[in-house]
C-alpha atoms as a PDB file:
ATOM      1  CA  MET A   1     118.362 124.029 113.448  1.00  0.00           C
ATOM      2  CA  THR A   2     117.524 121.808 110.571  1.00  0.00           C
ATOM      3  CA  LYS A   3     117.162 123.202 106.861  1.00  0.00           C
ATOM      4  CA  THR A   4     114.571 122.847 104.890  1.00  0.00           C
ATOM      5  CA  VAL A   5     115.051 122.147 100.776  1.00  0.00           C
ATOM      6  CA  LEU A   6     112.099 123.850  98.764  1.00  0.00           C
ATOM      7  CA  VAL A   7     111.759 123.192  95.349  1.00  0.00           C
ATOM      8  CA  PHE A   8     109.776 125.475  92.622  1.00  0.00           C
ATOM      9  CA  LYS A   9     108.903 124.779  89.035  1.00  0.00           C
ATOM     10  CA  THR A  10     109.526 128.148  87.538  1.00  0.00           C
ATOM     11  CA  SER A  11     109.309 129.812  84.005  1.00  0.00           C
ATOM     12  CA  VAL A  12     113.171 131.036  84.492  1.00  0.00           C
ATOM     13  CA  ASN A  13     114.930 130.354  81.170  1.00  0.00           C
ATOM     14  CA  CYS A  14     118.540 131.699  81.007  1.00  0.00           C
ATOM     15  CA  GLN A  15     121.117 132.908  83.268  1.00  0.00           C
ATOM     16  CA  GLN A  16     120.028 136.526  82.385  1.00  0.00           C
ATOM     17  CA  GLU A  17     117.104 135.991  83.884  1.00  0.00           C
ATOM     18  CA  VAL A  18     118.521 134.550  87.288  1.00  0.00           C
ATOM     19  CA  LYS A  19     120.893 137.759  87.439  1.00  0.00           C
ATOM     20  CA  TYR A  20     118.155 139.639  86.967  1.00  0.00           C
ATOM     21  CA  LEU A  21     116.188 137.745  90.029  1.00  0.00           C
ATOM     22  CA  ARG A  22     119.564 137.418  92.381  1.00  0.00           C
ATOM     23  CA  PRO A  23     119.035 140.571  94.460  1.00  0.00           C
ATOM     24  CA  LEU A  24     115.113 139.963  94.861  1.00  0.00           C
ATOM     25  CA  LEU A  25     116.185 135.939  96.246  1.00  0.00           C
ATOM     26  CA  ASN A  26     118.845 137.181  98.230  1.00  0.00           C
ATOM     27  CA  ALA A  27     116.572 139.630  99.892  1.00  0.00           C
ATOM     28  CA  LEU A  28     114.168 137.061 101.006  1.00  0.00           C
ATOM     29  CA  VAL A  29     116.700 134.360 101.694  1.00  0.00           C
ATOM     30  CA  ASP A  30     118.768 134.545 104.843  1.00  0.00           C
ATOM     31  CA  ARG A  31     122.872 134.926 104.177  1.00  0.00           C
ATOM     32  CA  LYS A  32     123.203 131.680 105.947  1.00  0.00           C
ATOM     33  CA  ASP A  33     120.707 129.854 103.807  1.00  0.00           C
ATOM     34  CA  ARG A  34     121.094 129.064  99.898  1.00  0.00           C
ATOM     35  CA  TRP A  35     119.025 129.191  96.679  1.00  0.00           C
ATOM     36  CA  ASN A  36     119.869 128.001  93.032  1.00  0.00           C
ATOM     37  CA  PHE A  37     118.503 127.260  89.484  1.00  0.00           C
ATOM     38  CA  ASP A  38     118.382 123.930  87.592  1.00  0.00           C
ATOM     39  CA  LEU A  39     117.697 125.416  83.992  1.00  0.00           C
ATOM     40  CA  GLU A  40     118.673 122.067  82.534  1.00  0.00           C
ATOM     41  CA  ASP A  41     115.508 120.615  84.425  1.00  0.00           C
ATOM     42  CA  CYS A  42     112.241 120.627  82.580  1.00  0.00           C
ATOM     43  CA  ASP A  43     110.879 122.333  85.053  1.00  0.00           C
ATOM     44  CA  HIS A  44     113.386 125.022  85.252  1.00  0.00           C
ATOM     45  CA  ILE A  45     113.826 124.092  88.928  1.00  0.00           C
ATOM     46  CA  LEU A  46     114.388 126.887  91.985  1.00  0.00           C
ATOM     47  CA  ARG A  47     116.107 125.016  95.147  1.00  0.00           C
ATOM     48  CA  VAL A  48     116.069 126.964  98.188  1.00  0.00           C
ATOM     49  CA  GLU A  49     117.504 125.549 101.329  1.00  0.00           C
ATOM     50  CA  ALA A  50     116.456 127.390 104.369  1.00  0.00           C
ATOM     51  CA  GLU A  51     116.056 127.514 108.369  1.00  0.00           C
ATOM     52  CA  GLU A  52     112.856 129.063 107.907  1.00  0.00           C
ATOM     53  CA  PRO A  53     111.677 128.805 104.475  1.00  0.00           C
ATOM     54  CA  GLU A  54     108.554 130.816 103.394  1.00  0.00           C
ATOM     55  CA  PRO A  55     107.483 129.282 100.262  1.00  0.00           C
ATOM     56  CA  GLU A  56     104.585 131.357  99.310  1.00  0.00           C
ATOM     57  CA  ILE A  57     106.784 134.772  99.687  1.00  0.00           C
ATOM     58  CA  ILE A  58     108.881 133.252  97.155  1.00  0.00           C
ATOM     59  CA  SER A  59     106.608 131.859  94.831  1.00  0.00           C
ATOM     60  CA  SER A  60     104.504 135.326  95.033  1.00  0.00           C
ATOM     61  CA  ALA A  61     107.446 137.415  94.710  1.00  0.00           C
ATOM     62  CA  LEU A  62     108.331 135.958  91.370  1.00  0.00           C
ATOM     63  CA  GLN A  63     105.234 136.017  90.446  1.00  0.00           C
ATOM     64  CA  THR A  64     105.106 139.577  90.860  1.00  0.00           C
ATOM     65  CA  GLN A  65     108.363 139.961  88.589  1.00  0.00           C
ATOM     66  CA  GLY A  66     106.304 138.015  86.129  1.00  0.00           C
ATOM     67  CA  TYR A  67     107.455 134.406  86.044  1.00  0.00           C
ATOM     68  CA  VAL A  68     105.785 131.208  86.674  1.00  0.00           C
ATOM     69  CA  CYS A  69     106.790 129.685  90.063  1.00  0.00           C
ATOM     70  CA  GLU A  70     104.811 126.946  92.050  1.00  0.00           C
ATOM     71  CA  GLU A  71     106.138 124.921  94.790  1.00  0.00           C
ATOM     72  CA  LEU A  72     106.525 120.982  93.912  1.00  0.00           C
END
């Protein structure tokens, strides 16, 4: 199956916040899929590479934790 790359603009600012979100993102993304943040980008990008991505669930989960998370 082909993987899809989702790109989100977020308000995650530092590695400490990434660490805080790690368990949540690991629960949302299948083990064979991947996610990472590019905090040096001005939009603090979250990339999710997944076979069956669910962008609404990912953005909603981060928003519930108090972060901006919008799919680009």
